[in-house]
PDB file of N, CA and C in Angstrom:
ATOM      1  N   UNK A   1      13.327  11.411  30.574  1.00  0.00           N
ATOM      2  CA  UNK A   1      13.736  11.857  29.261  1.00  0.00           C
ATOM      3  C   UNK A   1      13.652  10.706  28.258  1.00  0.00           C
ATOM      4  N   UNK A   2      13.961   9.493  28.706  1.00  0.00           N
ATOM      5  CA  UNK A   2      13.882   8.335  27.805  1.00  0.00           C
ATOM      6  C   UNK A   2      12.463   8.142  27.275  1.00  0.00           C
ATOM      7  N   UNK A   3      11.485   8.388  28.126  1.00  0.00           N
ATOM      8  CA  UNK A   3      10.092   8.240  27.704  1.00  0.00           C
ATOM      9  C   UNK A   3       9.759   9.219  26.572  1.00  0.00           C
ATOM     10  N   UNK A   4      10.233  10.442  26.690  1.00  0.00           N
ATOM     11  CA  UNK A   4       9.980  11.446  25.648  1.00  0.00           C
ATOM     12  C   UNK A   4      10.641  11.028  24.345  1.00  0.00           C
ATOM     13  N   UNK A   5      11.872  10.526  24.429  1.00  0.00           N
ATOM     14  CA  UNK A   5      12.586  10.082  23.228  1.00  0.00           C
ATOM     15  C   UNK A   5      11.846   8.918  22.570  1.00  0.00           C
ATOM     16  N   UNK A   6      11.363   7.990  23.365  1.00  0.00           N
ATOM     17  CA  UNK A   6      10.602   6.858  22.815  1.00  0.00           C
ATOM     18  C   UNK A   6       9.313   7.332  22.144  1.00  0.00           C
ATOM     19  N   UNK A   7       8.636   8.285  22.774  1.00  0.00           N
ATOM     20  CA  UNK A   7       7.421   8.837  22.180  1.00  0.00           C
ATOM     21  C   UNK A   7       7.738   9.550  20.869  1.00  0.00           C
ATOM     22  N   UNK A   8       8.844  10.281  20.842  1.00  0.00           N
ATOM     23  CA  UNK A   8       9.256  10.969  19.618  1.00  0.00           C
ATOM     24  C   UNK A   8       9.518   9.973  18.496  1.00  0.00           C
ATOM     25  N   UNK A   9      10.238   8.914  18.806  1.00  0.00           N
ATOM     26  CA  UNK A   9      10.531   7.898  17.790  1.00  0.00           C
ATOM     27  C   UNK A   9       9.247   7.315  17.215  1.00  0.00           C
ATOM     28  N   UNK A  10       8.301   7.003  18.087  1.00  0.00           N
ATOM     29  CA  UNK A  10       7.039   6.412  17.639  1.00  0.00           C
ATOM     30  C   UNK A  10       6.252   7.415  16.787  1.00  0.00           C
ATOM     31  N   UNK A  11       6.215   8.658  17.209  1.00  0.00           N
ATOM     32  CA  UNK A  11       5.448   9.672  16.481  1.00  0.00           C
ATOM     33  C   UNK A  11       6.093   9.980  15.129  1.00  0.00           C
ATOM     34  N   UNK A  12       7.421   9.974  15.079  1.00  0.00           N
ATOM     35  CA  UNK A  12       8.117  10.203  13.809  1.00  0.00           C
ATOM     36  C   UNK A  12       7.821   9.060  12.839  1.00  0.00           C
ATOM     37  N   UNK A  13       7.739   7.846  13.357  1.00  0.00           N
ATOM     38  CA  UNK A  13       7.394   6.698  12.508  1.00  0.00           C
ATOM     39  C   UNK A  13       5.984   6.860  11.931  1.00  0.00           C
ATOM     40  N   UNK A  14       5.043   7.279  12.766  1.00  0.00           N
ATOM     41  CA  UNK A  14       3.664   7.511  12.312  1.00  0.00           C
ATOM     42  C   UNK A  14       3.654   8.601  11.241  1.00  0.00           C
ATOM     43  N   UNK A  15       4.393   9.675  11.493  1.00  0.00           N
ATOM     44  CA  UNK A  15       4.453  10.775  10.532  1.00  0.00           C
ATOM     45  C   UNK A  15       5.032  10.308   9.200  1.00  0.00           C
ATOM     46  N   UNK A  16       6.108   9.514   9.255  1.00  0.00           N
ATOM     47  CA  UNK A  16       6.759   9.029   8.036  1.00  0.00           C
ATOM     48  C   UNK A  16       5.801   8.194   7.191  1.00  0.00           C
ATOM     49  N   UNK A  17       5.101   7.282   7.835  1.00  0.00           N
ATOM     50  CA  UNK A  17       4.163   6.415   7.111  1.00  0.00           C
ATOM     51  C   UNK A  17       3.061   7.244   6.449  1.00  0.00           C
ATOM     52  N   UNK A  18       2.492   8.176   7.201  1.00  0.00           N
ATOM     53  CA  UNK A  18       1.392   8.963   6.665  1.00  0.00           C
ATOM     54  C   UNK A  18       1.843   9.977   5.618  1.00  0.00           C
ATOM     55  N   UNK A  19       3.003  10.585   5.824  1.00  0.00           N
ATOM     56  CA  UNK A  19       3.513  11.533   4.827  1.00  0.00           C
ATOM     57  C   UNK A  19       3.813  10.818   3.518  1.00  0.00           C
ATOM     58  N   UNK A  20       4.386   9.626   3.594  1.00  0.00           N
ATOM     59  CA  UNK A  20       4.650   8.842   2.388  1.00  0.00           C
ATOM     60  C   UNK A  20       3.352   8.464   1.678  1.00  0.00           C
ATOM     61  N   UNK A  21       2.338   8.091   2.449  1.00  0.00           N
ATOM     62  CA  UNK A  21       1.052   7.725   1.846  1.00  0.00           C
ATOM     63  C   UNK A  21       0.438   8.923   1.121  1.00  0.00           C
ATOM     64  N   UNK A  22       0.574  10.100   1.683  1.00  0.00           N
ATOM     65  CA  UNK A  22       0.032  11.281   1.034  1.00  0.00           C
ATOM     66  C   UNK A  22       0.813  11.602  -0.237  1.00  0.00           C
ATOM     67  N   UNK A  23       2.139  11.561  -0.135  1.00  0.00           N
ATOM     68  CA  UNK A  23       2.966  11.922  -1.291  1.00  0.00           C
ATOM     69  C   UNK A  23       2.872  10.914  -2.424  1.00  0.00           C
ATOM     70  N   UNK A  24       2.951   9.648  -2.085  1.00  0.00           N
ATOM     71  CA  UNK A  24       3.036   8.612  -3.119  1.00  0.00           C
ATOM     72  C   UNK A  24       1.681   8.152  -3.638  1.00  0.00           C
ATOM     73  N   UNK A  25       0.665   8.193  -2.783  1.00  0.00           N
ATOM     74  CA  UNK A  25      -0.635   7.660  -3.172  1.00  0.00           C
ATOM     75  C   UNK A  25      -1.717   8.726  -3.264  1.00  0.00           C
ATOM     76  N   UNK A  26      -1.402   9.955  -2.847  1.00  0.00           N
ATOM     77  CA  UNK A  26      -2.394  11.026  -2.883  1.00  0.00           C
ATOM     78  C   UNK A  26      -3.491  10.853  -1.840  1.00  0.00           C
ATOM     79  N   UNK A  27      -3.194  10.145  -0.775  1.00  0.00           N
ATOM     80  CA  UNK A  27      -4.174   9.862   0.271  1.00  0.00           C
ATOM     81  C   UNK A  27      -4.372  11.112   1.140  1.00  0.00           C
ATOM     82  N   UNK A  28      -5.518  11.768   0.993  1.00  0.00           N
ATOM     83  CA  UNK A  28      -5.780  13.010   1.723  1.00  0.00           C
ATOM     84  C   UNK A  28      -5.917  12.789   3.222  1.00  0.00           C
ATOM     85  N   UNK A  29      -6.518  11.685   3.627  1.00  0.00           N
ATOM     86  CA  UNK A  29      -6.673  11.388   5.054  1.00  0.00           C
ATOM     87  C   UNK A  29      -5.306  11.177   5.705  1.00  0.00           C
ATOM     88  N   UNK A  30      -4.388  10.571   4.972  1.00  0.00           N
ATOM     89  CA  UNK A  30      -3.035  10.381   5.497  1.00  0.00           C
ATOM     90  C   UNK A  30      -2.353  11.721   5.698  1.00  0.00           C
ATOM     91  N   UNK A  31      -2.654  12.679   4.845  1.00  0.00           N
ATOM     92  CA  UNK A  31      -2.098  14.022   5.000  1.00  0.00           C
ATOM     93  C   UNK A  31      -2.560  14.663   6.296  1.00  0.00           C
ATOM     94  N   UNK A  32      -3.822  14.493   6.614  1.00  0.00           N
ATOM     95  CA  UNK A  32      -4.360  15.035   7.868  1.00  0.00           C
ATOM     96  C   UNK A  32      -3.692  14.360   9.065  1.00  0.00           C
ATOM     97  N   UNK A  33      -3.498  13.047   8.975  1.00  0.00           N
ATOM     98  CA  UNK A  33      -2.830  12.337  10.065  1.00  0.00           C
ATOM     99  C   UNK A  33      -1.370  12.771  10.192  1.00  0.00           C
ATOM    100  N   UNK A  34      -0.724  13.027   9.067  1.00  0.00           N
ATOM    101  CA  UNK A  34       0.673  13.488   9.093  1.00  0.00           C
ATOM    102  C   UNK A  34       0.770  14.865   9.742  1.00  0.00           C
ATOM    103  N   UNK A  35      -0.164  15.739   9.433  1.00  0.00           N
ATOM    104  CA  UNK A  35      -0.159  17.078  10.049  1.00  0.00           C
ATOM    105  C   UNK A  35      -0.388  16.975  11.553  1.00  0.00           C
ATOM    106  N   UNK A  36      -1.288  16.101  11.953  1.00  0.00           N
ATOM    107  CA  UNK A  36      -1.543  15.895  13.385  1.00  0.00           C
ATOM    108  C   UNK A  36      -0.280  15.371  14.078  1.00  0.00           C
ATOM    109  N   UNK A  37       0.408  14.440  13.437  1.00  0.00           N
ATOM    110  CA  UNK A  37       1.651  13.910  13.993  1.00  0.00           C
ATOM    111  C   UNK A  37       2.720  14.994  14.067  1.00  0.00           C
ATOM    112  N   UNK A  38       2.765  15.861  13.079  1.00  0.00           N
ATOM    113  CA  UNK A  38       3.752  16.944  13.082  1.00  0.00           C
ATOM    114  C   UNK A  38       3.536  17.864  14.279  1.00  0.00           C
ATOM    115  N   UNK A  39       2.291  18.134  14.608  1.00  0.00           N
ATOM    116  CA  UNK A  39       2.004  18.957  15.783  1.00  0.00           C
ATOM    117  C   UNK A  39       2.422  18.243  17.066  1.00  0.00           C
ATOM    118  N   UNK A  40       2.169  16.957  17.126  1.00  0.00           N
ATOM    119  CA  UNK A  40       2.555  16.178  18.306  1.00  0.00           C
ATOM    120  C   UNK A  40       4.078  16.141  18.439  1.00  0.00           C
ATOM    121  N   UNK A  41       4.777  15.997  17.312  1.00  0.00           N
ATOM    122  CA  UNK A  41       6.241  15.996  17.323  1.00  0.00           C
ATOM    123  C   UNK A  41       6.758  17.336  17.824  1.00  0.00           C
ATOM    124  N   UNK A  42       6.156  18.404  17.371  1.00  0.00           N
ATOM    125  CA  UNK A  42       6.559  19.744  17.809  1.00  0.00           C
ATOM    126  C   UNK A  42       6.431  19.889  19.322  1.00  0.00           C
ATOM    127  N   UNK A  43       5.315  19.433  19.861  1.00  0.00           N
ATOM    128  CA  UNK A  43       5.098  19.518  21.313  1.00  0.00           C
ATOM    129  C   UNK A  43       6.111  18.660  22.067  1.00  0.00           C
ATOM    130  N   UNK A  44       6.348  17.449  21.571  1.00  0.00           N
ATOM    131  CA  UNK A  44       7.307  16.565  22.224  1.00  0.00           C
ATOM    132  C   UNK A  44       8.728  17.137  22.169  1.00  0.00           C
ATOM    133  N   UNK A  45       9.064  17.804  21.077  1.00  0.00           N
ATOM    134  CA  UNK A  45      10.388  18.416  20.977  1.00  0.00           C
ATOM    135  C   UNK A  45      10.551  19.533  22.007  1.00  0.00           C
ATOM    136  N   UNK A  46       9.501  20.301  22.219  1.00  0.00           N
ATOM    137  CA  UNK A  46       9.551  21.347  23.241  1.00  0.00           C
ATOM    138  C   UNK A  46       9.724  20.735  24.627  1.00  0.00           C
ATOM    139  N   UNK A  47       8.987  19.655  24.884  1.00  0.00           N
ATOM    140  CA  UNK A  47       9.119  18.965  26.173  1.00  0.00           C
ATOM    141  C   UNK A  47      10.532  18.405  26.346  1.00  0.00           C
ATOM    142  N   UNK A  48      11.068  17.831  25.272  1.00  0.00           N
ATOM    143  CA  UNK A  48      12.425  17.287  25.319  1.00  0.00           C
ATOM    144  C   UNK A  48      13.430  18.388  25.622  1.00  0.00           C
ATOM    145  N   UNK A  49      13.263  19.530  25.004  1.00  0.00           N
ATOM    146  CA  UNK A  49      14.185  20.638  25.226  1.00  0.00           C
ATOM    147  C   UNK A  49      14.167  21.064  26.695  1.00  0.00           C
ATOM    148  N   UNK A  50      12.975  21.170  27.270  1.00  0.00           N
ATOM    149  CA  UNK A  50      12.866  21.552  28.685  1.00  0.00           C
ATOM    150  C   UNK A  50      13.587  20.551  29.583  1.00  0.00           C
ATOM    151  N   UNK A  51      13.337  19.272  29.359  1.00  0.00           N
ATOM    152  CA  UNK A  51      13.939  18.232  30.174  1.00  0.00           C
ATOM    153  C   UNK A  51      15.450  18.198  29.962  1.00  0.00           C
ATOM    154  N   UNK A  52      15.886  18.373  28.733  1.00  0.00           N
ATOM    155  CA  UNK A  52      17.299  18.343  28.413  1.00  0.00           C
ATOM    156  C   UNK A  52      18.048  19.484  29.081  1.00  0.00           C
ATOM    157  N   UNK A  53      17.460  20.680  29.057  1.00  0.00           N
ATOM    158  CA  UNK A  53      18.079  21.833  29.689  1.00  0.00           C
ATOM    159  C   UNK A  53      18.182  21.613  31.201  1.00  0.00           C
ATOM    160  N   UNK A  54      17.125  21.083  31.797  1.00  0.00           N
ATOM    161  CA  UNK A  54      17.149  20.808  33.231  1.00  0.00           C
ATOM    162  C   UNK A  54      18.203  19.762  33.588  1.00  0.00           C
ATOM    163  N   UNK A  55      18.391  18.785  32.726  1.00  0.00           N
ATOM    164  CA  UNK A  55      19.344  17.715  33.002  1.00  0.00           C
ATOM    165  C   UNK A  55      20.784  18.217  32.942  1.00  0.00           C
ATOM    166  N   UNK A  56      21.035  19.257  32.183  1.00  0.00           N
ATOM    167  CA  UNK A  56      22.402  19.763  32.056  1.00  0.00           C
ATOM    168  C   UNK A  56      22.761  20.759  33.144  1.00  0.00           C
ATOM    169  N   UNK A  57      21.797  21.160  33.947  1.00  0.00           N
ATOM    170  CA  UNK A  57      22.085  22.130  35.016  1.00  0.00           C
ATOM    171  C   UNK A  57      22.709  21.458  36.206  1.00  0.00           C
TER     172      UNK A  57
END
């Protein structure tokens, strides 16, 4: 579970940097990278939920 949390932290950092670049600088490529990171975050959150539920059983 720690590995998933670490991956989430790293991916959220990537998303933050790219989302800020798109919003503040109008960087279209950063927007694409932010969307890709958002999908990765979504998948990692689902994985975290599965592991978390199993850990509480």
